[in-house]
Amino acid sequence: MSEDRLLVATLRVQIPDRIWLGPFSRRHPSVGLEVLGRSEIGRSHVVADIWIGGRPAGIWRREIARYSDVSHVDCLAEVGPGSLYRVRFVGPPVIELYRQLEVPLPFPMRVQGGAIEWEVVARAPEFQRIVRFAQSIDPHLRLTWTRRAPLRSHLPRLTRAQTALLKRAIAEGYFSVPRRITLVDLARAVNRSKSSVSEALARIELKLLESALYLPGLAGPA
C-alpha cells in the first residue's frame, strides 16, 4: 500500500467500561450522543462538549457525574430534543495516539448503544496504526470505506485551459458580487462562444465541488 495514499473510513468501536461514554450509552441504548469538540487539560484529562438527547435540560448531569473517570459536569443549554453538556473526564487513549501521529481528531463523534463512530482521514501508515489501536479495543470493530485515493487526487484536477479560464474569470470579476462582467463579455474576452465558456465553467465548478465533497468520478471529460 503506497504511503502517500489518503485513506478515509468510518470506524465503529465498542467503548470499554472504563470510559463513562461506554456504560452510560449501553444503559440508555436509545439515547444519542454527539461529541462536538474537546480541549485537553494537562496530559490526563479532557473537557468535551457533548450533545445528549433527553429532556428536561440537564436530566443526565447527576448520573454522568457518578462515573469514576468524570470529575465535573455542566449542562450548558437545552438544544432541540436534548441538551449540551460540558464534561471533564480522564482522556481516552485514542487522544494520545492522535497526538503522537499529529493527525487531527475529527468531530462530531457519534455514540450510541455503547459504540463510538468517527471518520478516520490519514495517510496509510497513520491509518494502519489507528485501525490496529481500534482492533486492540474491539476485535469486532466495523470499518466502512468511503474513499481510497492518492493524496494528489484529492485536489482539483483542472486542465491548463480550465485553470487559465478560471483565473481570467476571477480577474474579470465574473464571480464577484455583484458580477462585474457578463458571460457574453467574458466569452468575447477569451475569444470563445458563450455556450463554450458556459459549459467550461460548469465543468470547472463540478471538479471543484467534487474535490471539496470527496465525490470522485462525477466530472465529465475535460
Protein backbone atom coordinates (compact mmCIF):
# COMPACT_ATOMS: atom_id res chain seq x y z
CA MET A 1 0.00 0.00 0.00
CA SER A 2 1.51 3.32 -1.08
CA GLU A 3 2.43 5.56 1.84
CA ASP A 4 1.13 8.68 0.07
CA ARG A 5 -2.33 7.17 -0.24
CA LEU A 6 -5.07 9.02 1.60
CA LEU A 7 -7.44 6.62 3.32
CA VAL A 8 -10.85 7.63 4.62
CA ALA A 9 -13.11 5.27 6.53
CA THR A 10 -15.69 5.30 9.28
CA LEU A 11 -14.84 3.24 12.36
CA ARG A 12 -17.43 1.93 14.81
CA VAL A 13 -15.84 0.68 18.03
CA GLN A 14 -17.32 -0.65 21.26
CA ILE A 15 -16.27 1.65 24.12
CA PRO A 16 -14.69 -0.10 27.13
CA ASP A 17 -16.36 0.20 30.53
CA ARG A 18 -13.54 2.32 31.96
CA ILE A 19 -14.67 5.27 29.79
CA TRP A 20 -18.01 6.65 31.01
CA LEU A 21 -19.43 7.07 27.50
CA GLY A 22 -19.49 3.27 27.13
CA PRO A 23 -21.52 2.18 30.16
CA PHE A 24 -23.70 5.28 30.04
CA SER A 25 -24.75 4.73 26.43
CA ARG A 26 -25.23 0.99 26.98
CA ARG A 27 -27.53 1.77 29.90
CA HIS A 28 -29.53 4.12 27.62
CA PRO A 29 -29.27 2.49 24.18
CA SER A 30 -31.96 4.67 22.59
CA VAL A 31 -30.25 7.92 23.61
CA GLY A 32 -27.99 9.52 21.00
CA LEU A 33 -24.79 11.39 21.92
CA GLU A 34 -22.52 13.54 19.80
CA VAL A 35 -19.07 14.60 20.95
CA LEU A 36 -18.77 18.03 19.34
CA GLY A 37 -15.29 19.02 20.46
CA ARG A 38 -12.75 18.72 23.23
CA SER A 39 -9.86 20.51 24.91
CA GLU A 40 -7.02 18.82 26.74
CA ILE A 41 -6.36 19.58 30.40
CA GLY A 42 -2.79 18.53 31.11
CA ARG A 43 -1.82 15.04 29.93
CA SER A 44 -4.59 13.07 31.59
CA HIS A 45 -7.92 14.93 31.35
CA VAL A 46 -10.09 16.40 28.62
CA VAL A 47 -13.06 18.73 28.63
CA ALA A 48 -15.58 17.78 25.96
CA ASP A 49 -18.77 19.41 24.73
CA ILE A 50 -21.31 16.63 24.22
CA TRP A 51 -24.88 16.84 22.98
CA ILE A 52 -27.07 14.19 24.64
CA GLY A 53 -30.71 13.52 23.80
CA GLY A 54 -33.32 13.68 26.54
CA ARG A 55 -35.36 16.28 28.39
CA PRO A 56 -35.63 18.28 30.59
CA ALA A 57 -32.36 20.22 30.39
CA GLY A 58 -29.62 18.61 32.47
CA ILE A 59 -31.54 15.37 33.02
CA TRP A 60 -28.33 13.29 32.78
CA ARG A 61 -25.96 15.56 34.75
CA ARG A 62 -26.10 13.72 38.09
CA GLU A 63 -25.84 10.29 36.52
CA ILE A 64 -22.82 11.24 34.43
CA ALA A 65 -21.11 12.80 37.47
CA ARG A 66 -21.22 9.44 39.30
CA TYR A 67 -18.78 7.73 36.90
CA SER A 68 -15.31 7.39 38.40
CA ASP A 69 -13.48 8.89 35.41
CA VAL A 70 -15.69 12.03 35.41
CA SER A 71 -14.58 14.95 37.56
CA HIS A 72 -17.10 17.65 36.58
CA VAL A 73 -20.30 18.06 34.53
CA ASP A 74 -22.15 21.21 33.48
CA CYS A 75 -25.35 21.48 31.47
CA LEU A 76 -24.82 24.45 29.15
CA ALA A 77 -28.14 24.70 27.33
CA GLU A 78 -31.16 22.82 26.04
CA VAL A 79 -30.70 22.24 22.32
CA GLY A 80 -33.54 20.67 20.36
CA PRO A 81 -34.62 17.34 21.88
CA GLY A 82 -31.61 17.21 24.17
CA SER A 83 -29.00 19.29 26.00
CA LEU A 84 -25.42 20.36 25.55
CA TYR A 85 -23.15 19.18 28.38
CA ARG A 86 -19.56 20.08 29.19
CA VAL A 87 -17.86 17.09 30.80
CA ARG A 88 -14.38 16.86 32.29
CA PHE A 89 -13.06 13.31 32.41
CA VAL A 90 -9.96 11.15 32.03
CA GLY A 91 -8.92 11.32 28.38
CA PRO A 92 -9.28 8.08 26.40
CA PRO A 93 -6.05 6.59 24.96
CA VAL A 94 -7.09 7.38 21.37
CA ILE A 95 -6.38 11.06 22.06
CA GLU A 96 -2.76 10.31 22.92
CA LEU A 97 -2.46 8.19 19.77
CA TYR A 98 -3.78 11.01 17.57
CA ARG A 99 -1.39 13.42 19.32
CA GLN A 100 1.59 11.16 18.55
CA LEU A 101 0.55 10.77 14.92
CA GLU A 102 -0.13 14.53 14.59
CA VAL A 103 -3.47 13.73 12.96
CA PRO A 104 -6.50 15.90 13.83
CA LEU A 105 -9.25 14.09 15.69
CA PRO A 106 -12.47 14.59 13.71
CA PHE A 107 -15.74 15.82 15.14
CA PRO A 108 -18.57 15.18 15.65
CA MET A 109 -18.03 11.69 17.06
CA ARG A 110 -21.30 9.80 17.48
CA VAL A 111 -22.05 7.46 20.36
CA GLN A 112 -25.00 5.12 20.80
CA GLY A 113 -25.57 1.78 22.48
CA GLY A 114 -22.02 1.56 23.79
CA ALA A 115 -20.28 2.18 20.45
CA ILE A 116 -18.50 5.26 19.16
CA GLU A 117 -18.30 6.15 15.48
CA TRP A 118 -15.87 8.53 13.84
CA GLU A 119 -14.26 9.13 10.48
CA VAL A 120 -10.55 8.46 10.08
CA VAL A 121 -8.72 10.54 7.47
CA ALA A 122 -5.00 9.77 7.31
CA ARG A 123 -2.12 8.57 5.17
CA ALA A 124 -1.65 4.83 5.00
CA PRO A 125 0.91 4.36 7.86
CA GLU A 126 -1.04 6.53 10.32
CA PHE A 127 -4.33 4.96 9.22
CA GLN A 128 -3.00 1.46 9.88
CA ARG A 129 -1.86 2.42 13.40
CA ILE A 130 -5.29 3.88 14.20
CA VAL A 131 -7.06 0.75 12.95
CA ARG A 132 -4.71 -1.55 14.91
CA PHE A 133 -5.40 0.51 18.02
CA ALA A 134 -9.15 0.25 17.45
CA GLN A 135 -8.87 -3.51 16.94
CA SER A 136 -7.00 -3.86 20.26
CA ILE A 137 -10.04 -2.32 21.96
CA ASP A 138 -12.71 -4.03 19.88
CA PRO A 139 -11.68 -7.11 17.82
CA HIS A 140 -15.06 -6.92 16.08
CA LEU A 141 -14.83 -3.28 15.06
CA ARG A 142 -16.79 -2.22 12.00
CA LEU A 143 -14.96 -0.33 9.26
CA THR A 144 -16.71 1.26 6.29
CA TRP A 145 -14.58 2.59 3.43
CA THR A 146 -15.63 5.92 2.00
CA ARG A 147 -12.59 6.73 -0.14
CA ARG A 148 -9.26 5.24 -1.18
CA ALA A 149 -7.20 7.53 -3.39
CA PRO A 150 -3.75 9.09 -3.66
CA LEU A 151 -3.45 12.43 -1.88
CA ARG A 152 -2.90 14.27 -5.14
CA SER A 153 -6.31 13.16 -6.46
CA HIS A 154 -7.97 14.93 -3.54
CA LEU A 155 -7.02 18.22 -5.21
CA PRO A 156 -8.98 19.77 -8.08
CA ARG A 157 -7.65 18.27 -11.32
CA LEU A 158 -8.13 21.15 -13.71
CA THR A 159 -6.55 21.16 -17.15
CA ARG A 160 -4.30 24.04 -18.16
CA ALA A 161 -7.11 25.50 -20.25
CA GLN A 162 -9.56 25.24 -17.36
CA THR A 163 -7.09 26.85 -14.97
CA ALA A 164 -6.46 29.71 -17.39
CA LEU A 165 -10.20 30.29 -17.88
CA LEU A 166 -10.85 30.21 -14.14
CA LYS A 167 -8.09 32.73 -13.45
CA ARG A 168 -9.37 35.02 -16.23
CA ALA A 169 -12.97 34.78 -14.97
CA ILE A 170 -11.85 35.67 -11.43
CA ALA A 171 -9.69 38.55 -12.66
CA GLU A 172 -12.50 39.97 -14.80
CA GLY A 173 -14.94 39.81 -11.86
CA TYR A 174 -17.24 37.09 -13.16
CA PHE A 175 -17.53 35.58 -9.66
CA SER A 176 -17.73 38.92 -7.87
CA VAL A 177 -20.89 40.02 -6.07
CA PRO A 178 -22.30 41.89 -7.84
CA ARG A 179 -20.87 40.40 -11.05
CA ARG A 180 -18.61 42.85 -12.92
CA ILE A 181 -18.70 41.10 -16.28
CA THR A 182 -21.39 39.17 -18.12
CA LEU A 183 -20.95 35.72 -19.60
CA VAL A 184 -21.19 37.22 -23.10
CA ASP A 185 -18.43 39.73 -22.37
CA LEU A 186 -16.24 37.09 -20.74
CA ALA A 187 -16.65 34.84 -23.79
CA ARG A 188 -15.70 37.76 -26.03
CA ALA A 189 -12.64 38.48 -23.86
CA VAL A 190 -11.32 34.92 -24.23
CA ASN A 191 -12.38 34.68 -27.89
CA ARG A 192 -14.81 31.81 -27.36
CA SER A 193 -18.52 31.30 -27.82
CA LYS A 194 -20.92 31.97 -24.96
CA SER A 195 -22.07 28.32 -24.88
CA SER A 196 -18.49 27.04 -24.84
CA VAL A 197 -17.49 29.25 -21.91
CA SER A 198 -20.69 28.42 -20.01
CA GLU A 199 -20.07 24.68 -20.38
CA ALA A 200 -16.39 25.04 -19.44
CA LEU A 201 -17.24 26.99 -16.27
CA ALA A 202 -19.81 24.37 -15.31
CA ARG A 203 -17.18 21.62 -15.63
CA ILE A 204 -14.71 23.64 -13.54
CA GLU A 205 -17.27 24.19 -10.79
CA LEU A 206 -18.14 20.49 -10.77
CA LYS A 207 -14.49 19.48 -10.40
CA LEU A 208 -14.03 21.90 -7.50
CA LEU A 209 -17.15 20.58 -5.77
CA GLU A 210 -16.03 17.01 -6.42
CA SER A 211 -12.79 17.68 -4.56
CA ALA A 212 -14.43 19.51 -1.67
CA LEU A 213 -17.11 16.87 -1.11
CA TYR A 214 -14.98 13.70 -1.60
CA LEU A 215 -17.06 12.63 -4.60
CA PRO A 216 -14.61 11.19 -7.15
CA GLY A 217 -15.59 10.46 -10.72
CA LEU A 218 -18.51 12.85 -11.15
CA ALA A 219 -16.85 15.25 -13.55
CA GLY A 220 -17.03 14.58 -17.25
CA PRO A 221 -14.13 14.83 -19.69
CA ALA A 222 -12.04 17.98 -19.52
